Amino acid sequence: MAVEISRPGRVTRTQPALPSSRGRRALVLSLVGGTGFLISQDVSLHSIAVSTLLQQLGDRDVLEFSLWIPKSYVLSLIVFLLVGGVLTDRCGAKRVLIAGYVTFLAGLLAHMLLAATSIPLLVARIVMGAGVAAIVPASLSILVLVSNAGRQRAQALLLWAGCLAAGVTVVPLVSGLLLNNLWWPRVALADAVVAVALLVGIVKFVPRCPGDPQAPVDWPGVVAATIGSGLVALGLFKAPDWGWTAAPVVALLGAGAVLLVVAAATRRGGELPHDILLRADPRAQPAMFALSAAVVAEFGIVFVTIQYLQAVRGTDPVVAGALIFLPACVASALGAKAGAMLQRRTGATTPLIIGLTMVLDGLAVGLTADAAGSLERIVGMVAVMSVGMGVVMAVALDAIATALPPTRNGVLFGAQSAVVQLGSLLGLAVAGGLVDQGYRAELVIPAKVAAHEGIVAVGQPLGKNVATAASVDDTLGGPLAQAVQNAFLVGYRHALLATIVVVVVMMVVTVALTARARRRSAANPRGCQEIPKNIRDM
């Protein structure tokens, strides 16, 4: 560990030494990458799959409360991210990462022991979310600390992003396992075993990461931004259920926005979630908007994919999930490699636009899926989108990595992660709301089916109606299943079209910000000379 003397009698800790060998660094990167995959699949499972699967228990007395259990996990994560960043800066990344793992495992253990309860289970999920909120910024800070500035750091962050993307795309496979009546605590037990193994490796191999107890913290801004982000997240959670124009949703989103504005107006330093998009370096802003568009599309598409597999597919959901997961991972890796090559040859703007265009192409492929349940079209949609997201991630993270400070970056990473989580919730809210709205509006049940033993399908969860169709004989079940599938496809297509609109808008913003950055670079050629090529070419 290096030290420097800032004033007589005072020793200031700086960046620790890099790992002593390439093999040691590769091991550290693998441990942190494994952490990213574990956390991503767990958070995505709670955000997307668990709520969807719970709705299949539509006749359960405590369904409404049960739906809040997975949501509380994600909400806790968003609320505590900035606090996790502050602790990372002040206490040291490795220490906070270990504490986050211990907190996560404590919540996971309580989850397994209290799986049959309600309120204690809710508390356990909140504890798990708080642990993840410490793990995320600490992991990213460690990636920076063990990597040299420039290409090596960008590659480390790209590894993290690839692990996050893989964690999201594995959700259809895990959902298939749960649909095949796999006992839920077994999934939690598997997470616990992996988490313990990663924690042991982190304790043993990750180098010491000293903190700075004197790191300045803008507590009023952090508190205002934290509460504001939580209110916005809560509004996005409820928008699909209550409607975007419902008074409670408008109040939650409005109050959250006001608090974020207050945080921006009163800030005395540091980084807040809105800074990542609005106050970032002008040359990095296009990358952030492109990355945000990819995140919105990714979470929305995974949601509608799981819905499609439940409503339309008749084959084994485990097989379907595996057939989606494997091409998505390969496509993401190929896209990342292609993005890096394009950036070296053309600069950042061209691959960002190409990547977002491929995301749009994937969504267009998804529009061709029909009630016949052709899995090839769904796999094609996810694969094409994954290529585009790989391209965007490679370029965007390279641009962002160049602007990162080597130390005191915990709050910065916490703020960036909050933006990513809110973007994922926006994608889920748009997709989930439109799928549900179109499904309920277009569900027309043949009269002979509706009259059979008082079958009620209108207003019922999608999974329950599929189960209802399967419970009646072939003569009546067939028309009911067809009505459910046709109604679902209306909402499914509306969700894809809305996601296309969101991506197009953010693509336009990306191009506009790129043009502004070029004008500023032309007006300040001396400053431009000091900017690394990968950012200067944007």
Protein backbone atom coordinates (compact mmCIF):
# COMPACT_ATOMS: atom_id res chain seq x y z
CA MET A 1 0.00 0.00 0.00
CA ALA A 2 1.35 3.41 -0.95
CA VAL A 3 1.30 6.39 1.42
CA GLU A 4 1.89 10.08 1.03
CA ILE A 5 2.53 12.91 3.49
CA SER A 6 -0.07 15.64 3.02
CA ARG A 7 0.85 17.71 6.10
CA PRO A 8 3.51 17.35 8.77
CA GLY A 9 2.51 14.60 11.15
CA ARG A 10 -0.37 13.32 9.00
CA VAL A 11 -0.22 10.25 6.77
CA THR A 12 -2.84 9.89 4.05
CA ARG A 13 -3.63 6.47 2.62
CA THR A 14 -3.90 6.22 -1.13
CA GLN A 15 -4.53 3.51 -3.66
CA PRO A 16 -3.29 0.05 -2.62
CA ALA A 17 -0.72 -1.81 -4.68
CA LEU A 18 -2.01 -3.83 -7.62
CA PRO A 19 -2.15 -7.63 -7.22
CA SER A 20 1.35 -9.11 -7.35
CA SER A 21 0.71 -11.26 -10.43
CA ARG A 22 -1.60 -11.50 -13.43
CA GLY A 23 -3.01 -14.71 -12.03
CA ARG A 24 -3.87 -13.03 -8.72
CA ARG A 25 -5.57 -10.15 -10.53
CA ALA A 26 -7.51 -12.58 -12.72
CA LEU A 27 -8.69 -14.38 -9.58
CA VAL A 28 -9.82 -11.10 -8.00
CA LEU A 29 -11.67 -10.14 -11.17
CA SER A 30 -13.33 -13.56 -11.25
CA LEU A 31 -14.50 -13.22 -7.65
CA VAL A 32 -15.91 -9.75 -8.24
CA GLY A 33 -17.47 -10.87 -11.54
CA GLY A 34 -19.06 -13.83 -9.78
CA THR A 35 -20.43 -11.38 -7.23
CA GLY A 36 -21.96 -9.34 -10.05
CA PHE A 37 -23.65 -12.40 -11.54
CA LEU A 38 -24.99 -13.59 -8.17
CA ILE A 39 -26.40 -10.21 -7.24
CA SER A 40 -27.81 -9.52 -10.70
CA GLN A 41 -29.71 -12.79 -10.97
CA ASP A 42 -31.03 -12.46 -7.41
CA VAL A 43 -32.20 -8.86 -7.82
CA SER A 44 -33.64 -9.58 -11.28
CA LEU A 45 -35.41 -12.67 -9.98
CA HIS A 46 -37.09 -10.59 -7.28
CA SER A 47 -37.83 -7.71 -9.67
CA ILE A 48 -39.25 -9.78 -12.52
CA ALA A 49 -39.91 -13.44 -11.89
CA VAL A 50 -41.03 -13.79 -8.28
CA SER A 51 -43.80 -11.20 -8.58
CA THR A 52 -44.96 -12.82 -11.82
CA LEU A 53 -44.99 -16.30 -10.33
CA LEU A 54 -46.79 -15.15 -7.18
CA GLN A 55 -49.65 -13.90 -9.32
CA GLN A 56 -50.37 -17.50 -10.22
CA LEU A 57 -51.61 -17.76 -6.62
CA GLY A 58 -54.44 -15.39 -7.39
CA ASP A 59 -56.76 -16.94 -4.82
CA ARG A 60 -54.27 -16.56 -1.97
CA ASP A 61 -55.58 -14.39 0.87
CA VAL A 62 -52.25 -12.63 1.44
CA LEU A 63 -51.32 -12.21 -2.24
CA GLU A 64 -51.21 -8.41 -2.09
CA PHE A 65 -48.86 -8.47 0.87
CA SER A 66 -46.81 -11.31 -0.64
CA LEU A 67 -46.19 -9.25 -3.76
CA TRP A 68 -44.54 -6.60 -1.60
CA ILE A 69 -41.99 -9.06 -0.22
CA PRO A 70 -39.82 -9.22 -3.39
CA LYS A 71 -40.45 -5.53 -4.08
CA SER A 72 -39.14 -4.62 -0.62
CA TYR A 73 -35.82 -6.24 -1.54
CA VAL A 74 -35.35 -4.03 -4.63
CA LEU A 75 -36.65 -0.93 -2.86
CA SER A 76 -34.19 -1.48 0.02
CA LEU A 77 -31.36 -1.85 -2.50
CA ILE A 78 -32.16 1.48 -4.18
CA VAL A 79 -32.63 3.34 -0.91
CA PHE A 80 -29.32 2.22 0.60
CA LEU A 81 -27.07 2.44 -2.48
CA LEU A 82 -25.76 5.93 -1.73
CA VAL A 83 -25.16 4.96 1.89
CA GLY A 84 -23.21 1.94 0.66
CA GLY A 85 -21.14 4.28 -1.50
CA VAL A 86 -20.40 6.57 1.45
CA LEU A 87 -19.28 3.61 3.57
CA THR A 88 -17.08 2.37 0.73
CA ASP A 89 -15.26 5.69 0.57
CA ARG A 90 -14.87 6.04 4.33
CA CYS A 91 -14.33 2.48 5.52
CA GLY A 92 -12.62 0.84 2.55
CA ALA A 93 -14.05 -1.22 -0.29
CA LYS A 94 -12.97 -4.68 0.90
CA ARG A 95 -14.27 -4.13 4.42
CA VAL A 96 -17.65 -2.90 3.11
CA LEU A 97 -17.84 -5.75 0.57
CA ILE A 98 -17.33 -8.33 3.34
CA ALA A 99 -19.88 -6.58 5.57
CA GLY A 100 -22.34 -6.49 2.67
CA TYR A 101 -21.91 -10.21 2.07
CA VAL A 102 -22.42 -11.00 5.76
CA THR A 103 -25.58 -8.86 5.81
CA PHE A 104 -26.86 -10.49 2.61
CA LEU A 105 -26.22 -13.98 3.98
CA ALA A 106 -27.92 -13.12 7.27
CA GLY A 107 -31.03 -12.01 5.39
CA LEU A 108 -30.86 -15.08 3.13
CA LEU A 109 -30.62 -17.41 6.13
CA ALA A 110 -33.60 -15.71 7.75
CA HIS A 111 -35.42 -16.03 4.43
CA MET A 112 -34.90 -19.79 4.34
CA LEU A 113 -35.89 -20.25 7.99
CA LEU A 114 -38.94 -17.97 7.81
CA ALA A 115 -40.21 -18.90 4.34
CA ALA A 116 -43.69 -19.70 5.68
CA THR A 117 -44.15 -16.36 7.46
CA SER A 118 -44.99 -12.90 6.14
CA ILE A 119 -43.70 -9.92 8.10
CA PRO A 120 -40.44 -11.60 9.23
CA LEU A 121 -39.86 -12.65 5.62
CA LEU A 122 -40.42 -9.06 4.52
CA VAL A 123 -37.80 -7.89 7.03
CA ALA A 124 -35.39 -10.57 5.80
CA ARG A 125 -35.73 -9.30 2.22
CA ILE A 126 -35.09 -5.73 3.35
CA VAL A 127 -31.90 -6.89 5.09
CA MET A 128 -30.81 -8.69 1.92
CA GLY A 129 -31.38 -5.53 -0.12
CA ALA A 130 -29.30 -3.48 2.31
CA GLY A 131 -26.48 -6.00 1.99
CA VAL A 132 -26.55 -5.80 -1.80
CA ALA A 133 -26.51 -2.00 -1.59
CA ALA A 134 -23.14 -2.28 0.16
CA ILE A 135 -21.82 -5.00 -2.16
CA VAL A 136 -22.42 -3.15 -5.45
CA PRO A 137 -20.39 0.08 -4.96
CA ALA A 138 -17.68 -1.79 -3.02
CA SER A 139 -17.28 -4.33 -5.85
CA LEU A 140 -16.99 -1.62 -8.48
CA SER A 141 -14.49 0.30 -6.37
CA ILE A 142 -12.34 -2.84 -6.08
CA LEU A 143 -12.41 -3.30 -9.86
CA VAL A 144 -10.97 0.20 -10.24
CA LEU A 145 -8.38 -0.29 -7.51
CA VAL A 146 -6.95 -3.49 -9.02
CA SER A 147 -6.86 -2.15 -12.59
CA ASN A 148 -4.61 0.38 -14.25
CA ALA A 149 -6.30 3.41 -15.77
CA GLY A 150 -7.35 3.12 -19.39
CA ARG A 151 -8.05 -0.07 -21.31
CA GLN A 152 -7.43 -2.42 -18.37
CA ARG A 153 -9.94 -0.59 -16.19
CA ALA A 154 -12.49 -0.49 -19.00
CA GLN A 155 -12.12 -4.24 -19.53
CA ALA A 156 -12.63 -4.88 -15.82
CA LEU A 157 -15.85 -2.86 -15.82
CA LEU A 158 -16.95 -4.59 -19.01
CA LEU A 159 -16.51 -7.94 -17.24
CA TRP A 160 -18.74 -6.65 -14.45
CA ALA A 161 -21.37 -5.47 -16.94
CA GLY A 162 -21.26 -8.82 -18.77
CA CYS A 163 -21.83 -10.68 -15.52
CA LEU A 164 -24.76 -8.38 -14.70
CA ALA A 165 -26.30 -8.98 -18.14
CA ALA A 166 -25.87 -12.75 -17.77
CA GLY A 167 -27.55 -12.58 -14.37
CA VAL A 168 -30.58 -10.88 -15.92
CA THR A 169 -30.89 -13.25 -18.88
CA VAL A 170 -30.69 -16.36 -16.67
CA VAL A 171 -33.98 -15.35 -15.02
CA PRO A 172 -36.17 -17.17 -17.62
CA LEU A 173 -34.25 -20.38 -16.87
CA VAL A 174 -34.65 -20.00 -13.09
CA SER A 175 -38.32 -19.14 -13.62
CA GLY A 176 -38.70 -22.39 -15.54
CA LEU A 177 -37.22 -24.31 -12.62
CA LEU A 178 -39.68 -22.68 -10.25
CA LEU A 179 -42.58 -23.42 -12.61
CA ASN A 180 -41.52 -27.06 -12.54
CA ASN A 181 -42.38 -27.10 -8.82
CA LEU A 182 -38.81 -26.76 -7.61
CA TRP A 183 -39.00 -25.90 -3.93
CA TRP A 184 -38.15 -22.19 -3.62
CA PRO A 185 -35.80 -22.54 -0.60
CA ARG A 186 -33.56 -24.74 -2.76
CA VAL A 187 -32.88 -21.74 -4.99
CA ALA A 188 -32.10 -19.67 -1.91
CA LEU A 189 -29.82 -22.44 -0.61
CA ALA A 190 -27.93 -22.50 -3.91
CA ASP A 191 -27.45 -18.71 -3.67
CA ALA A 192 -26.19 -19.10 -0.12
CA VAL A 193 -23.62 -21.76 -1.07
CA VAL A 194 -22.30 -19.62 -3.95
CA ALA A 195 -22.23 -16.50 -1.75
CA VAL A 196 -20.23 -18.24 0.99
CA ALA A 197 -17.71 -19.54 -1.55
CA LEU A 198 -17.28 -16.07 -3.05
CA LEU A 199 -16.98 -14.50 0.39
CA VAL A 200 -14.18 -16.91 1.37
CA GLY A 201 -12.32 -16.08 -1.83
CA ILE A 202 -12.76 -12.34 -1.29
CA VAL A 203 -11.45 -12.51 2.27
CA LYS A 204 -8.40 -14.49 1.16
CA PHE A 205 -7.42 -12.98 -2.20
CA VAL A 206 -8.75 -9.42 -2.55
CA PRO A 207 -6.04 -6.93 -1.49
CA ARG A 208 -6.61 -4.46 1.31
CA CYS A 209 -8.53 -1.39 0.21
CA PRO A 210 -8.00 1.40 2.75
CA GLY A 211 -10.74 3.94 3.21
CA ASP A 212 -10.56 7.63 3.96
CA PRO A 213 -12.41 8.49 7.20
CA GLN A 214 -12.10 12.16 6.27
CA ALA A 215 -13.81 11.78 2.87
CA PRO A 216 -16.35 14.62 2.59
CA VAL A 217 -20.01 13.63 2.58
CA ASP A 218 -22.85 15.92 1.58
CA TRP A 219 -25.32 14.38 4.01
CA PRO A 220 -28.29 16.69 3.24
CA GLY A 221 -27.91 15.94 -0.46
CA VAL A 222 -27.44 12.23 0.13
CA VAL A 223 -30.53 12.02 2.36
CA ALA A 224 -32.70 14.02 -0.04
CA ALA A 225 -31.52 12.00 -3.05
CA THR A 226 -31.96 8.73 -1.18
CA ILE A 227 -35.55 9.45 -0.18
CA GLY A 228 -36.29 10.89 -3.63
CA SER A 229 -34.96 7.78 -5.39
CA GLY A 230 -37.00 5.58 -3.06
CA LEU A 231 -40.22 7.49 -3.79
CA VAL A 232 -39.60 7.33 -7.55
CA ALA A 233 -38.96 3.58 -7.27
CA LEU A 234 -42.16 3.14 -5.26
CA GLY A 235 -44.10 5.07 -7.90
CA LEU A 236 -42.67 2.90 -10.68
CA PHE A 237 -43.62 -0.23 -8.73
CA LYS A 238 -47.25 0.85 -8.44
CA ALA A 239 -47.72 2.50 -11.84
CA PRO A 240 -48.65 -0.77 -13.62
CA ASP A 241 -51.26 -1.58 -10.96
CA TRP A 242 -52.79 1.84 -10.32
CA GLY A 243 -52.15 3.53 -13.68
CA TRP A 244 -49.66 6.25 -14.57
CA THR A 245 -52.24 9.00 -14.05
CA ALA A 246 -53.51 7.74 -10.69
CA ALA A 247 -53.18 10.34 -7.93
CA PRO A 248 -50.94 8.19 -5.66
CA VAL A 249 -48.56 7.42 -8.53
CA VAL A 250 -48.35 11.06 -9.61
CA ALA A 251 -47.78 12.07 -5.98
CA LEU A 252 -44.99 9.54 -5.47
CA LEU A 253 -43.19 10.39 -8.71
CA GLY A 254 -43.69 14.12 -8.16
CA ALA A 255 -42.45 14.07 -4.56
CA GLY A 256 -39.43 12.00 -5.57
CA ALA A 257 -38.59 14.42 -8.39
CA VAL A 258 -38.92 17.41 -6.04
CA LEU A 259 -36.52 15.84 -3.53
CA LEU A 260 -34.00 15.11 -6.28
CA VAL A 261 -34.25 18.75 -7.39
CA VAL A 262 -33.74 19.87 -3.77
CA ALA A 263 -30.68 17.64 -3.55
CA ALA A 264 -29.33 19.19 -6.74
CA ALA A 265 -29.96 22.74 -5.55
CA THR A 266 -28.44 22.30 -2.09
CA ARG A 267 -25.56 19.96 -2.87
CA ARG A 268 -22.14 20.90 -1.54
CA GLY A 269 -20.13 18.27 -3.36
CA GLY A 270 -19.96 14.58 -4.12
CA GLU A 271 -22.11 12.67 -6.57
CA LEU A 272 -25.87 12.12 -6.62
CA PRO A 273 -28.00 9.95 -8.95
CA HIS A 274 -29.07 12.85 -11.17
CA ASP A 275 -25.43 13.89 -11.60
CA ILE A 276 -24.74 10.72 -13.57
CA LEU A 277 -27.06 11.85 -16.35
CA LEU A 278 -27.30 15.62 -15.99
CA ARG A 279 -23.99 16.79 -14.53
CA ALA A 280 -21.59 14.23 -15.93
CA ASP A 281 -18.73 15.24 -18.20
CA PRO A 282 -20.35 16.29 -21.50
CA ARG A 283 -18.25 13.73 -23.34
CA ALA A 284 -19.54 10.89 -21.11
CA GLN A 285 -23.22 11.89 -21.13
CA PRO A 286 -24.03 10.19 -24.48
CA ALA A 287 -22.59 6.94 -23.14
CA MET A 288 -24.71 7.15 -19.99
CA PHE A 289 -27.94 7.78 -21.92
CA ALA A 290 -27.19 4.93 -24.34
CA LEU A 291 -26.45 2.60 -21.42
CA SER A 292 -29.68 3.65 -19.68
CA ALA A 293 -31.68 2.91 -22.85
CA ALA A 294 -30.13 -0.56 -23.03
CA VAL A 295 -31.01 -1.24 -19.38
CA VAL A 296 -34.63 -0.14 -19.87
CA ALA A 297 -34.97 -2.41 -22.88
CA GLU A 298 -33.23 -5.36 -21.22
CA PHE A 299 -35.46 -5.54 -18.17
CA GLY A 300 -38.61 -4.91 -20.18
CA ILE A 301 -37.78 -7.67 -22.65
CA VAL A 302 -36.95 -10.22 -19.95
CA PHE A 303 -40.32 -9.49 -18.32
CA VAL A 304 -42.33 -9.99 -21.51
CA THR A 305 -40.28 -13.08 -22.36
CA ILE A 306 -41.20 -14.75 -19.06
CA GLN A 307 -44.84 -13.78 -19.60
CA TYR A 308 -44.73 -15.23 -23.13
CA LEU A 309 -43.29 -18.53 -21.91
CA GLN A 310 -46.09 -18.82 -19.34
CA ALA A 311 -48.97 -17.73 -21.55
CA VAL A 312 -48.13 -19.21 -24.94
CA ARG A 313 -45.47 -21.90 -24.79
CA GLY A 314 -46.53 -25.49 -24.26
CA THR A 315 -43.09 -27.08 -23.85
CA ASP A 316 -40.91 -27.54 -20.78
CA PRO A 317 -40.18 -24.05 -19.36
CA VAL A 318 -36.73 -25.19 -18.23
CA VAL A 319 -35.78 -26.13 -21.79
CA ALA A 320 -37.21 -22.86 -23.10
CA GLY A 321 -35.29 -20.85 -20.49
CA ALA A 322 -32.02 -22.62 -21.34
CA LEU A 323 -32.55 -22.04 -25.06
CA ILE A 324 -32.93 -18.32 -24.37
CA PHE A 325 -30.12 -17.95 -21.82
CA LEU A 326 -27.30 -19.59 -23.78
CA PRO A 327 -27.69 -17.60 -27.05
CA ALA A 328 -28.10 -14.39 -25.04
CA CYS A 329 -24.79 -14.90 -23.24
CA VAL A 330 -22.91 -15.73 -26.46
CA ALA A 331 -24.52 -12.79 -28.26
CA SER A 332 -23.60 -10.37 -25.46
CA ALA A 333 -19.96 -11.48 -25.57
CA LEU A 334 -19.80 -11.14 -29.35
CA GLY A 335 -21.44 -7.73 -29.19
CA ALA A 336 -18.97 -6.50 -26.56
CA LYS A 337 -16.02 -7.61 -28.67
CA ALA A 338 -17.47 -6.01 -31.80
CA GLY A 339 -18.19 -2.78 -29.91
CA ALA A 340 -14.62 -2.51 -28.65
CA MET A 341 -13.26 -3.06 -32.17
CA LEU A 342 -15.61 -0.49 -33.69
CA GLN A 343 -14.71 2.07 -31.03
CA ARG A 344 -11.00 1.78 -31.77
CA ARG A 345 -11.64 2.39 -35.47
CA THR A 346 -14.46 4.93 -35.50
CA GLY A 347 -14.75 6.46 -32.03
CA ALA A 348 -17.65 5.99 -29.64
CA THR A 349 -20.60 7.55 -31.46
CA THR A 350 -20.93 5.07 -34.31
CA PRO A 351 -20.96 1.86 -32.19
CA LEU A 352 -23.39 3.41 -29.69
CA ILE A 353 -25.87 4.13 -32.46
CA ILE A 354 -25.28 0.71 -34.04
CA GLY A 355 -25.84 -0.96 -30.68
CA LEU A 356 -29.10 0.85 -29.99
CA THR A 357 -30.25 0.12 -33.56
CA MET A 358 -29.68 -3.59 -32.96
CA VAL A 359 -31.71 -3.35 -29.75
CA LEU A 360 -34.53 -1.90 -31.87
CA ASP A 361 -34.07 -4.69 -34.44
CA GLY A 362 -34.42 -7.27 -31.68
CA LEU A 363 -37.63 -5.67 -30.46
CA ALA A 364 -38.94 -5.71 -34.05
CA VAL A 365 -38.22 -9.46 -34.27
CA GLY A 366 -40.20 -9.93 -31.08
CA LEU A 367 -43.22 -8.29 -32.67
CA THR A 368 -43.51 -11.25 -35.05
CA ALA A 369 -44.14 -13.76 -32.23
CA ASP A 370 -47.66 -15.16 -32.27
CA ALA A 371 -50.01 -17.46 -30.41
CA ALA A 372 -48.45 -20.49 -32.09
CA GLY A 373 -45.65 -20.20 -29.54
CA SER A 374 -42.73 -20.21 -31.97
CA LEU A 375 -39.70 -20.17 -29.68
CA GLU A 376 -37.32 -19.35 -32.55
CA ARG A 377 -38.68 -15.81 -32.77
CA ILE A 378 -38.29 -15.22 -29.03
CA VAL A 379 -34.75 -16.58 -29.08
CA GLY A 380 -34.00 -14.40 -32.11
CA MET A 381 -35.37 -11.32 -30.34
CA VAL A 382 -33.29 -11.87 -27.21
CA ALA A 383 -30.14 -12.77 -29.18
CA VAL A 384 -30.26 -9.72 -31.46
CA MET A 385 -30.97 -7.43 -28.53
CA SER A 386 -28.11 -9.00 -26.57
CA VAL A 387 -25.67 -8.23 -29.37
CA GLY A 388 -26.80 -4.61 -29.33
CA MET A 389 -26.56 -4.37 -25.56
CA GLY A 390 -23.08 -5.89 -25.64
CA VAL A 391 -21.96 -3.23 -28.11
CA VAL A 392 -23.45 -0.41 -26.02
CA MET A 393 -21.99 -1.72 -22.76
CA ALA A 394 -18.48 -2.10 -24.19
CA VAL A 395 -18.39 1.46 -25.50
CA ALA A 396 -20.28 3.16 -22.69
CA LEU A 397 -18.30 1.59 -19.88
CA ASP A 398 -15.02 2.37 -21.62
CA ALA A 399 -16.05 6.01 -21.80
CA ILE A 400 -17.22 6.08 -18.19
CA ALA A 401 -14.12 4.28 -16.94
CA THR A 402 -11.86 6.95 -18.40
CA ALA A 403 -13.52 9.61 -16.28
CA LEU A 404 -13.44 7.63 -13.03
CA PRO A 405 -11.22 8.78 -10.17
CA PRO A 406 -8.98 6.05 -8.69
CA THR A 407 -10.17 6.74 -5.13
CA ARG A 408 -13.26 8.11 -3.38
CA ASN A 409 -15.46 6.63 -6.08
CA GLY A 410 -17.88 4.70 -3.85
CA VAL A 411 -20.58 7.38 -3.84
CA LEU A 412 -20.11 7.79 -7.59
CA PHE A 413 -20.70 4.08 -8.14
CA GLY A 414 -23.63 4.11 -5.73
CA ALA A 415 -25.23 6.94 -7.69
CA GLN A 416 -24.56 5.23 -11.03
CA SER A 417 -26.07 1.99 -9.75
CA ALA A 418 -29.15 3.87 -8.52
CA VAL A 419 -29.67 5.21 -12.05
CA VAL A 420 -29.35 1.68 -13.45
CA GLN A 421 -31.86 0.27 -10.95
CA LEU A 422 -34.37 3.05 -11.62
CA GLY A 423 -33.94 2.45 -15.35
CA SER A 424 -34.67 -1.24 -14.85
CA LEU A 425 -37.82 -0.40 -12.89
CA LEU A 426 -38.91 1.99 -15.65
CA GLY A 427 -38.54 -0.82 -18.19
CA LEU A 428 -40.56 -3.16 -15.97
CA ALA A 429 -43.23 -0.53 -15.33
CA VAL A 430 -43.69 0.25 -19.03
CA ALA A 431 -43.68 -3.40 -20.13
CA GLY A 432 -45.68 -4.72 -17.18
CA GLY A 433 -48.30 -1.99 -17.31
CA LEU A 434 -48.94 -2.33 -21.05
CA VAL A 435 -48.96 -6.14 -21.00
CA ASP A 436 -51.52 -6.12 -18.22
CA GLN A 437 -53.61 -3.33 -19.75
CA GLY A 438 -53.77 -4.92 -23.19
CA TYR A 439 -54.41 -8.36 -21.75
CA ARG A 440 -57.32 -7.29 -19.58
CA ALA A 441 -58.85 -5.05 -22.26
CA GLU A 442 -58.77 -7.66 -25.04
CA LEU A 443 -59.72 -10.81 -23.11
CA VAL A 444 -62.93 -11.97 -24.80
CA ILE A 445 -64.09 -15.39 -23.61
CA PRO A 446 -66.45 -17.47 -25.78
CA ALA A 447 -69.89 -17.65 -24.23
CA LYS A 448 -69.92 -21.46 -23.96
CA VAL A 449 -66.67 -21.32 -22.00
CA ALA A 450 -67.75 -18.49 -19.74
CA ALA A 451 -70.94 -20.35 -18.87
CA HIS A 452 -69.10 -23.54 -17.92
CA GLU A 453 -69.33 -23.86 -14.13
CA GLY A 454 -69.14 -20.09 -13.68
CA ILE A 455 -65.59 -19.68 -15.02
CA VAL A 456 -64.25 -16.19 -14.31
CA ALA A 457 -61.17 -15.10 -16.27
CA VAL A 458 -61.60 -11.37 -16.83
CA GLY A 459 -59.52 -9.47 -14.27
CA GLN A 460 -57.70 -12.59 -13.11
CA PRO A 461 -53.90 -13.00 -13.25
CA LEU A 462 -52.48 -14.40 -16.48
CA GLY A 463 -51.03 -17.50 -14.82
CA LYS A 464 -54.31 -18.33 -13.12
CA ASN A 465 -56.23 -18.14 -16.39
CA VAL A 466 -53.74 -20.46 -18.08
CA ALA A 467 -54.25 -22.88 -15.17
CA THR A 468 -58.04 -22.50 -15.51
CA ALA A 469 -57.85 -23.35 -19.20
CA ALA A 470 -55.85 -26.47 -18.40
CA SER A 471 -58.36 -27.54 -15.72
CA VAL A 472 -61.34 -27.87 -18.07
CA ASP A 473 -61.83 -30.49 -20.78
CA ASP A 474 -60.33 -30.15 -24.26
CA THR A 475 -63.54 -28.92 -25.86
CA LEU A 476 -63.85 -25.94 -23.53
CA GLY A 477 -60.25 -25.52 -22.44
CA GLY A 478 -59.00 -24.96 -25.97
CA PRO A 479 -61.14 -21.86 -26.67
CA LEU A 480 -60.38 -20.43 -23.22
CA ALA A 481 -56.64 -20.92 -23.68
CA GLN A 482 -56.85 -19.33 -27.13
CA ALA A 483 -58.70 -16.31 -25.70
CA VAL A 484 -56.07 -15.88 -22.97
CA GLN A 485 -53.19 -16.16 -25.45
CA ASN A 486 -54.70 -13.75 -27.97
CA ALA A 487 -55.41 -11.17 -25.27
CA PHE A 488 -51.89 -11.51 -23.90
CA LEU A 489 -50.34 -10.96 -27.33
CA VAL A 490 -52.12 -7.60 -27.62
CA GLY A 491 -50.52 -6.34 -24.42
CA TYR A 492 -47.21 -7.99 -25.35
CA ARG A 493 -47.01 -6.08 -28.63
CA HIS A 494 -48.03 -2.82 -26.95
CA ALA A 495 -45.18 -3.29 -24.48
CA LEU A 496 -42.64 -3.89 -27.25
CA LEU A 497 -43.84 -0.85 -29.20
CA ALA A 498 -43.61 1.36 -26.10
CA THR A 499 -40.08 0.10 -25.42
CA ILE A 500 -39.15 0.90 -29.02
CA VAL A 501 -40.39 4.46 -28.52
CA VAL A 502 -38.35 4.86 -25.31
CA VAL A 503 -35.17 3.58 -26.99
CA VAL A 504 -35.68 5.83 -30.02
CA VAL A 505 -36.12 8.89 -27.78
CA MET A 506 -32.97 8.09 -25.81
CA MET A 507 -31.09 7.46 -29.06
CA VAL A 508 -32.04 10.95 -30.24
CA VAL A 509 -30.85 12.39 -26.92
CA THR A 510 -27.57 10.47 -27.30
CA VAL A 511 -26.97 11.94 -30.75
CA ALA A 512 -27.85 15.46 -29.54
CA LEU A 513 -25.46 15.20 -26.59
CA THR A 514 -22.71 13.90 -28.88
CA ALA A 515 -23.15 16.90 -31.18
CA ARG A 516 -22.96 19.27 -28.19
CA ALA A 517 -19.79 17.57 -26.93
CA ARG A 518 -18.18 17.99 -30.35
CA ARG A 519 -19.05 21.68 -30.45
CA ARG A 520 -17.51 22.18 -27.01
CA SER A 521 -14.40 20.26 -28.04
CA ALA A 522 -14.06 22.42 -31.15
CA ALA A 523 -14.42 25.57 -29.05
CA ASN A 524 -11.76 24.34 -26.59
CA PRO A 525 -9.10 22.53 -28.66
CA ARG A 526 -6.47 22.79 -25.90
CA GLY A 527 -8.71 21.01 -23.42
CA CYS A 528 -9.53 18.45 -26.08
CA GLN A 529 -5.87 17.55 -26.43
CA GLU A 530 -5.82 16.40 -22.84
CA ILE A 531 -8.77 14.07 -23.31
CA PRO A 532 -8.09 10.38 -24.04
CA LYS A 533 -8.93 9.30 -27.56
CA ASN A 534 -11.84 7.03 -26.67
CA ILE A 535 -13.67 9.98 -25.10
CA ARG A 536 -12.44 12.65 -27.49
CA ASP A 537 -13.84 10.79 -30.51
CA MET A 538 -17.40 10.78 -29.19
